[in-house]
Amino acid sequence: MSDTTEMQKKIDRVRTLIRPLNNQIAIIPEDKETVTASGVYLPENAGGVEVTGVVAAIGPQALVDHDGNQVEDIEIGDRVFYDAFSTKDIKIIGQPITLVMRENCLCVIKSADKVEEVKR
């Protein structure tokens, strides 16, 4: 089964389990890398918090700007980069879900390549 089909099944499942309220977005977090390029295995708590994932559900106010205008810059199925320090992580029937306020989604990722946060 392809990764796209598997992700669509996860999205459909999340959409049947929850309905985000207000400006919340439900994101399926992407798996963390557990092995470095040089082959070193990383423990689960190493490094930063996961900051990329796929949008599974969108609250009704997440698509409205401050002036009340409808915006459609984020859609279900989009891969996004988000601020990991302002999230709520939950698990429903074994499915991890991250709830993020719309303004904490920083960008939609259009490339299939791995995204890395640069530490300063």
PDB file of N, CA and C in Angstrom:
ATOM      1  N   MET A   1       0.847  -1.176   0.000  1.00  0.00           N
ATOM      2  CA  MET A   1       0.000   0.000   0.000  1.00  0.00           C
ATOM      3  C   MET A   1       0.893   1.240   0.000  1.00  0.00           C
ATOM      4  N   SER A   2       0.541   2.261  -0.758  1.00  0.00           N
ATOM      5  CA  SER A   2       1.379   3.447  -0.867  1.00  0.00           C
ATOM      6  C   SER A   2       1.253   4.313   0.386  1.00  0.00           C
ATOM      7  N   ASP A   3       2.286   5.155   0.598  1.00  0.00           N
ATOM      8  CA  ASP A   3       2.273   6.060   1.746  1.00  0.00           C
ATOM      9  C   ASP A   3       1.106   7.032   1.668  1.00  0.00           C
ATOM     10  N   THR A   4       0.762   7.471   0.440  1.00  0.00           N
ATOM     11  CA  THR A   4      -0.345   8.406   0.246  1.00  0.00           C
ATOM     12  C   THR A   4      -1.663   7.774   0.665  1.00  0.00           C
ATOM     13  N   THR A   5      -1.894   6.539   0.270  1.00  0.00           N
ATOM     14  CA  THR A   5      -3.126   5.835   0.627  1.00  0.00           C
ATOM     15  C   THR A   5      -3.191   5.621   2.135  1.00  0.00           C
ATOM     16  N   GLU A   6      -2.085   5.254   2.735  1.00  0.00           N
ATOM     17  CA  GLU A   6      -2.031   5.043   4.184  1.00  0.00           C
ATOM     18  C   GLU A   6      -2.325   6.346   4.928  1.00  0.00           C
ATOM     19  N   MET A   7      -1.739   7.453   4.469  1.00  0.00           N
ATOM     20  CA  MET A   7      -1.983   8.744   5.120  1.00  0.00           C
ATOM     21  C   MET A   7      -3.445   9.150   4.953  1.00  0.00           C
ATOM     22  N   GLN A   8      -4.033   8.916   3.790  1.00  0.00           N
ATOM     23  CA  GLN A   8      -5.442   9.265   3.585  1.00  0.00           C
ATOM     24  C   GLN A   8      -6.337   8.475   4.534  1.00  0.00           C
ATOM     25  N   LYS A   9      -5.999   7.224   4.785  1.00  0.00           N
ATOM     26  CA  LYS A   9      -6.761   6.413   5.745  1.00  0.00           C
ATOM     27  C   LYS A   9      -6.649   7.000   7.145  1.00  0.00           C
ATOM     28  N   LYS A  10      -5.448   7.464   7.522  1.00  0.00           N
ATOM     29  CA  LYS A  10      -5.263   8.083   8.835  1.00  0.00           C
ATOM     30  C   LYS A  10      -6.077   9.371   8.943  1.00  0.00           C
ATOM     31  N   ILE A  11      -6.049  10.186   7.880  1.00  0.00           N
ATOM     32  CA  ILE A  11      -6.809  11.436   7.867  1.00  0.00           C
ATOM     33  C   ILE A  11      -8.292  11.142   8.025  1.00  0.00           C
ATOM     34  N   ASP A  12      -8.802  10.193   7.255  1.00  0.00           N
ATOM     35  CA  ASP A  12     -10.226   9.838   7.339  1.00  0.00           C
ATOM     36  C   ASP A  12     -10.584   9.358   8.740  1.00  0.00           C
ATOM     37  N   ARG A  13      -9.705   8.585   9.337  1.00  0.00           N
ATOM     38  CA  ARG A  13      -9.958   8.065  10.687  1.00  0.00           C
ATOM     39  C   ARG A  13     -10.006   9.204  11.703  1.00  0.00           C
ATOM     40  N   VAL A  14      -9.050  10.121  11.642  1.00  0.00           N
ATOM     41  CA  VAL A  14      -9.027  11.252  12.572  1.00  0.00           C
ATOM     42  C   VAL A  14     -10.287  12.091  12.414  1.00  0.00           C
ATOM     43  N   ARG A  15     -10.714  12.314  11.186  1.00  0.00           N
ATOM     44  CA  ARG A  15     -11.910  13.131  10.937  1.00  0.00           C
ATOM     45  C   ARG A  15     -13.170  12.491  11.496  1.00  0.00           C
ATOM     46  N   THR A  16     -13.178  11.159  11.660  1.00  0.00           N
ATOM     47  CA  THR A  16     -14.338  10.506  12.276  1.00  0.00           C
ATOM     48  C   THR A  16     -14.242  10.522  13.798  1.00  0.00           C
ATOM     49  N   LEU A  17     -13.041  10.748  14.337  1.00  0.00           N
ATOM     50  CA  LEU A  17     -12.841  10.712  15.778  1.00  0.00           C
ATOM     51  C   LEU A  17     -12.990  12.072  16.452  1.00  0.00           C
ATOM     52  N   ILE A  18     -12.557  13.136  15.785  1.00  0.00           N
ATOM     53  CA  ILE A  18     -12.593  14.458  16.416  1.00  0.00           C
ATOM     54  C   ILE A  18     -13.060  15.521  15.431  1.00  0.00           C
ATOM     55  N   ARG A  19     -13.514  16.650  15.996  1.00  0.00           N
ATOM     56  CA  ARG A  19     -13.885  17.840  15.230  1.00  0.00           C
ATOM     57  C   ARG A  19     -13.277  19.026  15.967  1.00  0.00           C
ATOM     58  N   PRO A  20     -12.194  19.599  15.442  1.00  0.00           N
ATOM     59  CA  PRO A  20     -11.566  20.733  16.128  1.00  0.00           C
ATOM     60  C   PRO A  20     -12.534  21.909  16.259  1.00  0.00           C
ATOM     61  N   LEU A  21     -12.420  22.619  17.360  1.00  0.00           N
ATOM     62  CA  LEU A  21     -13.261  23.787  17.602  1.00  0.00           C
ATOM     63  C   LEU A  21     -12.482  25.057  17.297  1.00  0.00           C
ATOM     64  N   ASN A  22     -13.224  26.124  17.078  1.00  0.00           N
ATOM     65  CA  ASN A  22     -12.664  27.458  16.869  1.00  0.00           C
ATOM     66  C   ASN A  22     -11.560  27.467  15.819  1.00  0.00           C
ATOM     67  N   ASN A  23     -10.365  27.959  16.193  1.00  0.00           N
ATOM     68  CA  ASN A  23      -9.278  28.080  15.215  1.00  0.00           C
ATOM     69  C   ASN A  23      -8.234  26.970  15.377  1.00  0.00           C
ATOM     70  N   GLN A  24      -8.664  25.822  15.890  1.00  0.00           N
ATOM     71  CA  GLN A  24      -7.753  24.699  16.076  1.00  0.00           C
ATOM     72  C   GLN A  24      -7.639  23.862  14.800  1.00  0.00           C
ATOM     73  N   ILE A  25      -6.470  23.286  14.605  1.00  0.00           N
ATOM     74  CA  ILE A  25      -6.213  22.386  13.485  1.00  0.00           C
ATOM     75  C   ILE A  25      -5.671  21.087  14.064  1.00  0.00           C
ATOM     76  N   ALA A  26      -6.218  19.957  13.622  1.00  0.00           N
ATOM     77  CA  ALA A  26      -5.737  18.646  14.051  1.00  0.00           C
ATOM     78  C   ALA A  26      -4.704  18.169  13.042  1.00  0.00           C
ATOM     79  N   ILE A  27      -3.529  17.828  13.539  1.00  0.00           N
ATOM     80  CA  ILE A  27      -2.408  17.426  12.697  1.00  0.00           C
ATOM     81  C   ILE A  27      -1.959  16.027  13.095  1.00  0.00           C
ATOM     82  N   ILE A  28      -1.701  15.201  12.102  1.00  0.00           N
ATOM     83  CA  ILE A  28      -1.083  13.898  12.348  1.00  0.00           C
ATOM     84  C   ILE A  28       0.422  14.131  12.293  1.00  0.00           C
ATOM     85  N   PRO A  29       1.105  14.030  13.444  1.00  0.00           N
ATOM     86  CA  PRO A  29       2.543  14.308  13.440  1.00  0.00           C
ATOM     87  C   PRO A  29       3.314  13.274  12.633  1.00  0.00           C
ATOM     88  N   GLU A  30       4.362  13.736  11.952  1.00  0.00           N
ATOM     89  CA  GLU A  30       5.213  12.819  11.205  1.00  0.00           C
ATOM     90  C   GLU A  30       6.142  12.101  12.163  1.00  0.00           C
ATOM     91  N   ASP A  31       6.549  10.902  11.798  1.00  0.00           N
ATOM     92  CA  ASP A  31       7.463  10.126  12.623  1.00  0.00           C
ATOM     93  C   ASP A  31       8.803  10.828  12.713  1.00  0.00           C
ATOM     94  N   LYS A  32       9.388  10.773  13.897  1.00  0.00           N
ATOM     95  CA  LYS A  32      10.711  11.356  14.106  1.00  0.00           C
ATOM     96  C   LYS A  32      11.774  10.421  13.556  1.00  0.00           C
ATOM     97  N   GLU A  33      12.864  11.004  13.091  1.00  0.00           N
ATOM     98  CA  GLU A  33      14.010  10.204  12.667  1.00  0.00           C
ATOM     99  C   GLU A  33      14.654   9.625  13.918  1.00  0.00           C
ATOM    100  N   THR A  34      14.953   8.345  13.911  1.00  0.00           N
ATOM    101  CA  THR A  34      15.572   7.717  15.078  1.00  0.00           C
ATOM    102  C   THR A  34      17.020   7.321  14.828  1.00  0.00           C
ATOM    103  N   VAL A  35      17.490   7.509  13.595  1.00  0.00           N
ATOM    104  CA  VAL A  35      18.870   7.186  13.252  1.00  0.00           C
ATOM    105  C   VAL A  35      19.454   8.370  12.496  1.00  0.00           C
ATOM    106  N   THR A  36      20.642   8.808  12.909  1.00  0.00           N
ATOM    107  CA  THR A  36      21.296   9.908  12.205  1.00  0.00           C
ATOM    108  C   THR A  36      21.893   9.401  10.895  1.00  0.00           C
ATOM    109  N   ALA A  37      22.352  10.332  10.066  1.00  0.00           N
ATOM    110  CA  ALA A  37      22.966   9.971   8.785  1.00  0.00           C
ATOM    111  C   ALA A  37      24.195   9.090   8.980  1.00  0.00           C
ATOM    112  N   SER A  38      24.863   9.251  10.122  1.00  0.00           N
ATOM    113  CA  SER A  38      26.057   8.443  10.387  1.00  0.00           C
ATOM    114  C   SER A  38      25.735   7.109  11.063  1.00  0.00           C
ATOM    115  N   GLY A  39      24.433   6.823  11.281  1.00  0.00           N
ATOM    116  CA  GLY A  39      24.039   5.535  11.831  1.00  0.00           C
ATOM    117  C   GLY A  39      23.874   5.490  13.337  1.00  0.00           C
ATOM    118  N   VAL A  40      23.938   6.642  14.010  1.00  0.00           N
ATOM    119  CA  VAL A  40      23.769   6.688  15.461  1.00  0.00           C
ATOM    120  C   VAL A  40      22.275   6.654  15.790  1.00  0.00           C
ATOM    121  N   TYR A  41      21.865   5.737  16.671  1.00  0.00           N
ATOM    122  CA  TYR A  41      20.468   5.642  17.091  1.00  0.00           C
ATOM    123  C   TYR A  41      20.180   6.683  18.171  1.00  0.00           C
ATOM    124  N   LEU A  42      19.081   7.418  17.989  1.00  0.00           N
ATOM    125  CA  LEU A  42      18.703   8.460  18.935  1.00  0.00           C
ATOM    126  C   LEU A  42      17.592   7.969  19.853  1.00  0.00           C
ATOM    127  N   PRO A  43      17.659   8.291  21.150  1.00  0.00           N
ATOM    128  CA  PRO A  43      16.550   7.940  22.036  1.00  0.00           C
ATOM    129  C   PRO A  43      15.335   8.795  21.698  1.00  0.00           C
ATOM    130  N   GLU A  44      14.148   8.359  22.118  1.00  0.00           N
ATOM    131  CA  GLU A  44      12.906   9.049  21.784  1.00  0.00           C
ATOM    132  C   GLU A  44      12.887  10.491  22.277  1.00  0.00           C
ATOM    133  N   ASN A  45      13.540  10.786  23.404  1.00  0.00           N
ATOM    134  CA  ASN A  45      13.504  12.135  23.970  1.00  0.00           C
ATOM    135  C   ASN A  45      14.673  13.008  23.507  1.00  0.00           C
ATOM    136  N   ALA A  46      15.431  12.576  22.525  1.00  0.00           N
ATOM    137  CA  ALA A  46      16.567  13.364  22.038  1.00  0.00           C
ATOM    138  C   ALA A  46      16.092  14.474  21.123  1.00  0.00           C
ATOM    139  N   GLY A  47      16.790  15.593  21.178  1.00  0.00           N
ATOM    140  CA  GLY A  47      16.525  16.677  20.250  1.00  0.00           C
ATOM    141  C   GLY A  47      15.247  17.432  20.541  1.00  0.00           C
ATOM    142  N   GLY A  48      14.739  18.113  19.516  1.00  0.00           N
ATOM    143  CA  GLY A  48      13.558  18.941  19.663  1.00  0.00           C
ATOM    144  C   GLY A  48      12.270  18.167  19.534  1.00  0.00           C
ATOM    145  N   VAL A  49      11.207  18.896  19.563  1.00  0.00           N
ATOM    146  CA  VAL A  49       9.872  18.326  19.446  1.00  0.00           C
ATOM    147  C   VAL A  49       9.506  18.271  17.968  1.00  0.00           C
ATOM    148  N   GLU A  50       8.756  17.265  17.571  1.00  0.00           N
ATOM    149  CA  GLU A  50       8.328  17.125  16.175  1.00  0.00           C
ATOM    150  C   GLU A  50       7.607  18.392  15.721  1.00  0.00           C
ATOM    151  N   VAL A  51       7.952  18.904  14.556  1.00  0.00           N
ATOM    152  CA  VAL A  51       7.373  20.165  14.110  1.00  0.00           C
ATOM    153  C   VAL A  51       6.755  20.090  12.720  1.00  0.00           C
ATOM    154  N   THR A  52       6.635  18.904  12.160  1.00  0.00           N
ATOM    155  CA  THR A  52       5.963  18.765  10.873  1.00  0.00           C
ATOM    156  C   THR A  52       4.889  17.690  10.993  1.00  0.00           C
ATOM    157  N   GLY A  53       3.863  17.824  10.175  1.00  0.00           N
ATOM    158  CA  GLY A  53       2.787  16.848  10.182  1.00  0.00           C
ATOM    159  C   GLY A  53       1.807  17.134   9.057  1.00  0.00           C
ATOM    160  N   VAL A  54       0.764  16.324   8.992  1.00  0.00           N
ATOM    161  CA  VAL A  54      -0.239  16.431   7.934  1.00  0.00           C
ATOM    162  C   VAL A  54      -1.562  16.861   8.552  1.00  0.00           C
ATOM    163  N   VAL A  55      -2.191  17.879   7.965  1.00  0.00           N
ATOM    164  CA  VAL A  55      -3.471  18.400   8.454  1.00  0.00           C
ATOM    165  C   VAL A  55      -4.559  17.359   8.225  1.00  0.00           C
ATOM    166  N   ALA A  56      -5.272  17.004   9.313  1.00  0.00           N
ATOM    167  CA  ALA A  56      -6.329  15.998   9.227  1.00  0.00           C
ATOM    168  C   ALA A  56      -7.716  16.603   9.389  1.00  0.00           C
ATOM    169  N   ALA A  57      -7.842  17.681  10.149  1.00  0.00           N
ATOM    170  CA  ALA A  57      -9.137  18.320  10.366  1.00  0.00           C
ATOM    171  C   ALA A  57      -8.897  19.782  10.723  1.00  0.00           C
ATOM    172  N   ILE A  58      -9.855  20.637  10.355  1.00  0.00           N
ATOM    173  CA  ILE A  58      -9.707  22.078  10.553  1.00  0.00           C
ATOM    174  C   ILE A  58     -10.962  22.623  11.234  1.00  0.00           C
ATOM    175  N   GLY A  59     -10.761  23.399  12.315  1.00  0.00           N
ATOM    176  CA  GLY A  59     -11.872  24.038  13.012  1.00  0.00           C
ATOM    177  C   GLY A  59     -12.492  25.139  12.163  1.00  0.00           C
ATOM    178  N   PRO A  60     -13.747  25.512  12.438  1.00  0.00           N
ATOM    179  CA  PRO A  60     -14.467  26.470  11.592  1.00  0.00           C
ATOM    180  C   PRO A  60     -13.849  27.865  11.537  1.00  0.00           C
ATOM    181  N   GLN A  61     -13.210  28.312  12.602  1.00  0.00           N
ATOM    182  CA  GLN A  61     -12.618  29.658  12.606  1.00  0.00           C
ATOM    183  C   GLN A  61     -11.187  29.676  12.085  1.00  0.00           C
ATOM    184  N   ALA A  62     -10.603  28.517  11.805  1.00  0.00           N
ATOM    185  CA  ALA A  62      -9.225  28.463  11.325  1.00  0.00           C
ATOM    186  C   ALA A  62      -9.096  28.960   9.886  1.00  0.00           C
ATOM    187  N   LEU A  63     -10.213  29.051   9.183  1.00  0.00           N
ATOM    188  CA  LEU A  63     -10.178  29.510   7.788  1.00  0.00           C
ATOM    189  C   LEU A  63     -10.771  30.902   7.628  1.00  0.00           C
ATOM    190  N   VAL A  64     -10.795  31.668   8.723  1.00  0.00           N
ATOM    191  CA  VAL A  64     -11.305  33.034   8.697  1.00  0.00           C
ATOM    192  C   VAL A  64     -10.216  33.946   9.251  1.00  0.00           C
ATOM    193  N   ASP A  65      -9.897  35.041   8.520  1.00  0.00           N
ATOM    194  CA  ASP A  65      -8.861  35.946   9.010  1.00  0.00           C
ATOM    195  C   ASP A  65      -9.442  36.913  10.045  1.00  0.00           C
ATOM    196  N   HIS A  66      -8.615  37.817  10.545  1.00  0.00           N
ATOM    197  CA  HIS A  66      -9.038  38.747  11.604  1.00  0.00           C
ATOM    198  C   HIS A  66     -10.136  39.702  11.162  1.00  0.00           C
ATOM    199  N   ASP A  67     -10.285  39.913   9.857  1.00  0.00           N
ATOM    200  CA  ASP A  67     -11.330  40.788   9.329  1.00  0.00           C
ATOM    201  C   ASP A  67     -12.601  40.027   8.990  1.00  0.00           C
ATOM    202  N   GLY A  68     -12.620  38.721   9.255  1.00  0.00           N
ATOM    203  CA  GLY A  68     -13.800  37.912   8.967  1.00  0.00           C
ATOM    204  C   GLY A  68     -13.873  37.395   7.541  1.00  0.00           C
ATOM    205  N   ASN A  69     -12.809  37.579   6.774  1.00  0.00           N
ATOM    206  CA  ASN A  69     -12.770  37.100   5.391  1.00  0.00           C
ATOM    207  C   ASN A  69     -12.360  35.630   5.351  1.00  0.00           C
ATOM    208  N   GLN A  70     -12.965  34.893   4.435  1.00  0.00           N
ATOM    209  CA  GLN A  70     -12.633  33.482   4.259  1.00  0.00           C
ATOM    210  C   GLN A  70     -11.252  33.359   3.604  1.00  0.00           C
ATOM    211  N   VAL A  71     -10.378  32.538   4.189  1.00  0.00           N
ATOM    212  CA  VAL A  71      -9.058  32.275   3.611  1.00  0.00           C
ATOM    213  C   VAL A  71      -8.916  30.771   3.427  1.00  0.00           C
ATOM    214  N   GLU A  72      -8.241  30.390   2.386  1.00  0.00           N
ATOM    215  CA  GLU A  72      -8.077  28.970   2.095  1.00  0.00           C
ATOM    216  C   GLU A  72      -6.617  28.655   1.812  1.00  0.00           C
ATOM    217  N   ASP A  73      -5.742  29.090   2.716  1.00  0.00           N
ATOM    218  CA  ASP A  73      -4.316  28.864   2.512  1.00  0.00           C
ATOM    219  C   ASP A  73      -3.829  27.568   3.146  1.00  0.00           C
ATOM    220  N   ILE A  74      -4.716  26.865   3.833  1.00  0.00           N
ATOM    221  CA  ILE A  74      -4.365  25.573   4.421  1.00  0.00           C
ATOM    222  C   ILE A  74      -5.535  24.625   4.210  1.00  0.00           C
ATOM    223  N   GLU A  75      -5.220  23.395   3.819  1.00  0.00           N
ATOM    224  CA  GLU A  75      -6.266  22.429   3.487  1.00  0.00           C
ATOM    225  C   GLU A  75      -5.973  21.090   4.144  1.00  0.00           C
ATOM    226  N   ILE A  76      -7.003  20.278   4.281  1.00  0.00           N
ATOM    227  CA  ILE A  76      -6.822  18.924   4.776  1.00  0.00           C
ATOM    228  C   ILE A  76      -5.904  18.187   3.806  1.00  0.00           C
ATOM    229  N   GLY A  77      -4.912  17.502   4.359  1.00  0.00           N
ATOM    230  CA  GLY A  77      -3.933  16.790   3.545  1.00  0.00           C
ATOM    231  C   GLY A  77      -2.640  17.558   3.345  1.00  0.00           C
ATOM    232  N   ASP A  78      -2.622  18.874   3.664  1.00  0.00           N
ATOM    233  CA  ASP A  78      -1.395  19.662   3.543  1.00  0.00           C
ATOM    234  C   ASP A  78      -0.378  19.218   4.592  1.00  0.00           C
ATOM    235  N   ARG A  79       0.883  19.213   4.203  1.00  0.00           N
ATOM    236  CA  ARG A  79       1.985  18.955   5.133  1.00  0.00           C
ATOM    237  C   ARG A  79       2.431  20.319   5.641  1.00  0.00           C
ATOM    238  N   VAL A  80       2.473  20.490   6.969  1.00  0.00           N
ATOM    239  CA  VAL A  80       2.754  21.801   7.541  1.00  0.00           C
ATOM    240  C   VAL A  80       3.924  21.758   8.516  1.00  0.00           C
ATOM    241  N   PHE A  81       4.537  22.922   8.695  1.00  0.00           N
ATOM    242  CA  PHE A  81       5.572  23.161   9.695  1.00  0.00           C
ATOM    243  C   PHE A  81       4.912  24.039  10.748  1.00  0.00           C
ATOM    244  N   TYR A  82       4.973  23.648  12.032  1.00  0.00           N
ATOM    245  CA  TYR A  82       4.261  24.401  13.056  1.00  0.00           C
ATOM    246  C   TYR A  82       5.123  24.613  14.296  1.00  0.00           C
ATOM    247  N   ASP A  83       4.722  25.602  15.089  1.00  0.00           N
ATOM    248  CA  ASP A  83       5.410  25.925  16.333  1.00  0.00           C
ATOM    249  C   ASP A  83       5.086  24.843  17.353  1.00  0.00           C
ATOM    250  N   ALA A  84       6.084  24.050  17.712  1.00  0.00           N
ATOM    251  CA  ALA A  84       5.867  22.878  18.563  1.00  0.00           C
ATOM    252  C   ALA A  84       5.647  23.220  20.033  1.00  0.00           C
ATOM    253  N   PHE A  85       5.918  24.456  20.426  1.00  0.00           N
ATOM    254  CA  PHE A  85       5.790  24.808  21.834  1.00  0.00           C
ATOM    255  C   PHE A  85       4.393  25.274  22.208  1.00  0.00           C
ATOM    256  N   SER A  86       3.499  25.351  21.259  1.00  0.00           N
ATOM    257  CA  SER A  86       2.139  25.799  21.562  1.00  0.00           C
ATOM    258  C   SER A  86       1.127  24.790  21.024  1.00  0.00           C
ATOM    259  N   THR A  87       1.344  23.521  21.344  1.00  0.00           N
ATOM    260  CA  THR A  87       0.473  22.461  20.853  1.00  0.00           C
ATOM    261  C   THR A  87      -0.093  21.655  22.013  1.00  0.00           C
ATOM    262  N   LYS A  88      -1.091  20.869  21.710  1.00  0.00           N
ATOM    263  CA  LYS A  88      -1.641  19.907  22.663  1.00  0.00           C
ATOM    264  C   LYS A  88      -1.631  18.556  21.974  1.00  0.00           C
ATOM    265  N   ASP A  89      -0.884  17.605  22.526  1.00  0.00           N
ATOM    266  CA  ASP A  89      -0.782  16.271  21.942  1.00  0.00           C
ATOM    267  C   ASP A  89      -1.760  15.341  22.633  1.00  0.00           C
ATOM    268  N   ILE A  90      -2.546  14.622  21.842  1.00  0.00           N
ATOM    269  CA  ILE A  90      -3.495  13.652  22.372  1.00  0.00           C
ATOM    270  C   ILE A  90      -3.351  12.347  21.596  1.00  0.00           C
ATOM    271  N   LYS A  91      -3.955  11.306  22.093  1.00  0.00           N
ATOM    272  CA  LYS A  91      -3.965  10.028  21.392  1.00  0.00           C
ATOM    273  C   LYS A  91      -5.368   9.461  21.542  1.00  0.00           C
ATOM    274  N   ILE A  92      -5.996   9.123  20.423  1.00  0.00           N
ATOM    275  CA  ILE A  92      -7.332   8.541  20.424  1.00  0.00           C
ATOM    276  C   ILE A  92      -7.267   7.226  19.659  1.00  0.00           C
ATOM    277  N   ILE A  93      -7.670   6.161  20.309  1.00  0.00           N
ATOM    278  CA  ILE A  93      -7.632   4.812  19.740  1.00  0.00           C
ATOM    279  C   ILE A  93      -6.266   4.549  19.099  1.00  0.00           C
ATOM    280  N   GLY A  94      -5.217   4.929  19.809  1.00  0.00           N
ATOM    281  CA  GLY A  94      -3.865   4.660  19.355  1.00  0.00           C
ATOM    282  C   GLY A  94      -3.316   5.628  18.323  1.00  0.00           C
ATOM    283  N   GLN A  95      -4.128   6.560  17.833  1.00  0.00           N
ATOM    284  CA  GLN A  95      -3.677   7.508  16.809  1.00  0.00           C
ATOM    285  C   GLN A  95      -3.202   8.802  17.466  1.00  0.00           C
ATOM    286  N   PRO A  96      -1.895   9.131  17.364  1.00  0.00           N
ATOM    287  CA  PRO A  96      -1.436  10.413  17.902  1.00  0.00           C
ATOM    288  C   PRO A  96      -1.978  11.566  17.059  1.00  0.00           C
ATOM    289  N   ILE A  97      -2.442  12.601  17.740  1.00  0.00           N
ATOM    290  CA  ILE A  97      -2.981  13.790  17.083  1.00  0.00           C
ATOM    291  C   ILE A  97      -2.432  15.005  17.818  1.00  0.00           C
ATOM    292  N   THR A  98      -1.996  16.000  17.068  1.00  0.00           N
ATOM    293  CA  THR A  98      -1.516  17.249  17.648  1.00  0.00           C
ATOM    294  C   THR A  98      -2.512  18.344  17.299  1.00  0.00           C
ATOM    295  N   LEU A  99      -2.980  19.064  18.315  1.00  0.00           N
ATOM    296  CA  LEU A  99      -3.879  20.199  18.102  1.00  0.00           C
ATOM    297  C   LEU A  99      -3.058  21.477  18.141  1.00  0.00           C
ATOM    298  N   VAL A 100      -3.218  22.293  17.099  1.00  0.00           N
ATOM    299  CA  VAL A 100      -2.439  23.512  16.931  1.00  0.00           C
ATOM    300  C   VAL A 100      -3.389  24.646  16.581  1.00  0.00           C
ATOM    301  N   MET A 101      -3.187  25.824  17.189  1.00  0.00           N
ATOM    302  CA  MET A 101      -3.969  26.990  16.769  1.00  0.00           C
ATOM    303  C   MET A 101      -3.493  27.411  15.380  1.00  0.00           C
ATOM    304  N   ARG A 102      -4.407  27.891  14.566  1.00  0.00           N
ATOM    305  CA  ARG A 102      -4.121  28.245  13.164  1.00  0.00           C
ATOM    306  C   ARG A 102      -2.909  29.155  13.036  1.00  0.00           C
ATOM    307  N   GLU A 103      -2.803  30.155  13.908  1.00  0.00           N
ATOM    308  CA  GLU A 103      -1.699  31.113  13.787  1.00  0.00           C
ATOM    309  C   GLU A 103      -0.343  30.501  14.118  1.00  0.00           C
ATOM    310  N   ASN A 104      -0.332  29.285  14.680  1.00  0.00           N
ATOM    311  CA  ASN A 104       0.933  28.611  14.973  1.00  0.00           C
ATOM    312  C   ASN A 104       1.372  27.655  13.866  1.00  0.00           C
ATOM    313  N   CYS A 105       0.585  27.555  12.796  1.00  0.00           N
ATOM    314  CA  CYS A 105       1.043  26.855  11.589  1.00  0.00           C
ATOM    315  C   CYS A 105       1.851  27.869  10.804  1.00  0.00           C
ATOM    316  N   LEU A 106       3.134  27.601  10.659  1.00  0.00           N
ATOM    317  CA  LEU A 106       4.042  28.592  10.091  1.00  0.00           C
ATOM    318  C   LEU A 106       4.110  28.558   8.576  1.00  0.00           C
ATOM    319  N   CYS A 107       3.970  27.367   7.978  1.00  0.00           N
ATOM    320  CA  CYS A 107       3.985  27.286   6.526  1.00  0.00           C
ATOM    321  C   CYS A 107       3.469  25.937   6.059  1.00  0.00           C
ATOM    322  N   VAL A 108       3.049  25.908   4.804  1.00  0.00           N
ATOM    323  CA  VAL A 108       2.690  24.661   4.135  1.00  0.00           C
ATOM    324  C   VAL A 108       3.929  24.210   3.376  1.00  0.00           C
ATOM    325  N   ILE A 109       4.290  22.947   3.546  1.00  0.00           N
ATOM    326  CA  ILE A 109       5.493  22.404   2.902  1.00  0.00           C
ATOM    327  C   ILE A 109       5.072  21.790   1.569  1.00  0.00           C
ATOM    328  N   LYS A 110       5.621  22.289   0.490  1.00  0.00           N
ATOM    329  CA  LYS A 110       5.251  21.797  -0.835  1.00  0.00           C
ATOM    330  C   LYS A 110       6.195  20.726  -1.355  1.00  0.00           C
ATOM    331  N   SER A 111       7.340  20.561  -0.705  1.00  0.00           N
ATOM    332  CA  SER A 111       8.333  19.572  -1.123  1.00  0.00           C
ATOM    333  C   SER A 111       8.154  18.287  -0.325  1.00  0.00           C
ATOM    334  N   ALA A 112       8.478  17.170  -0.923  1.00  0.00           N
ATOM    335  CA  ALA A 112       8.408  15.882  -0.228  1.00  0.00           C
ATOM    336  C   ALA A 112       9.688  15.606   0.546  1.00  0.00           C
ATOM    337  N   ASP A 113      10.673  16.486   0.419  1.00  0.00           N
ATOM    338  CA  ASP A 113      11.948  16.284   1.098  1.00  0.00           C
ATOM    339  C   ASP A 113      11.818  16.443   2.608  1.00  0.00           C
ATOM    340  N   LYS A 114      12.781  15.905   3.320  1.00  0.00           N
ATOM    341  CA  LYS A 114      12.838  16.028   4.776  1.00  0.00           C
ATOM    342  C   LYS A 114      13.054  17.491   5.139  1.00  0.00           C
ATOM    343  N   VAL A 115      12.363  17.941   6.170  1.00  0.00           N
ATOM    344  CA  VAL A 115      12.491  19.322   6.650  1.00  0.00           C
ATOM    345  C   VAL A 115      13.218  19.286   7.974  1.00  0.00           C
ATOM    346  N   GLU A 116      14.230  20.125   8.105  1.00  0.00           N
ATOM    347  CA  GLU A 116      14.982  20.196   9.342  1.00  0.00           C
ATOM    348  C   GLU A 116      14.954  21.611   9.875  1.00  0.00           C
ATOM    349  N   GLU A 117      14.743  21.746  11.184  1.00  0.00           N
ATOM    350  CA  GLU A 117      14.778  23.053  11.822  1.00  0.00           C
ATOM    351  C   GLU A 117      16.231  23.385  12.108  1.00  0.00           C
ATOM    352  N   VAL A 118      16.657  24.583  11.799  1.00  0.00           N
ATOM    353  CA  VAL A 118      18.027  25.021  12.033  1.00  0.00           C
ATOM    354  C   VAL A 118      18.099  25.648  13.411  1.00  0.00           C
ATOM    355  N   LYS A 119      18.973  25.125  14.268  1.00  0.00           N
ATOM    356  CA  LYS A 119      19.145  25.666  15.623  1.00  0.00           C
ATOM    357  C   LYS A 119      20.098  26.838  15.559  1.00  0.00           C
ATOM    358  N   ARG A 120      19.757  27.887  16.261  1.00  0.00           N
ATOM    359  CA  ARG A 120      20.632  29.084  16.295  1.00  0.00           C
ATOM    360  C   ARG A 120      21.192  29.296  17.659  1.00  0.00           C
TER     361      ARG A 120
END
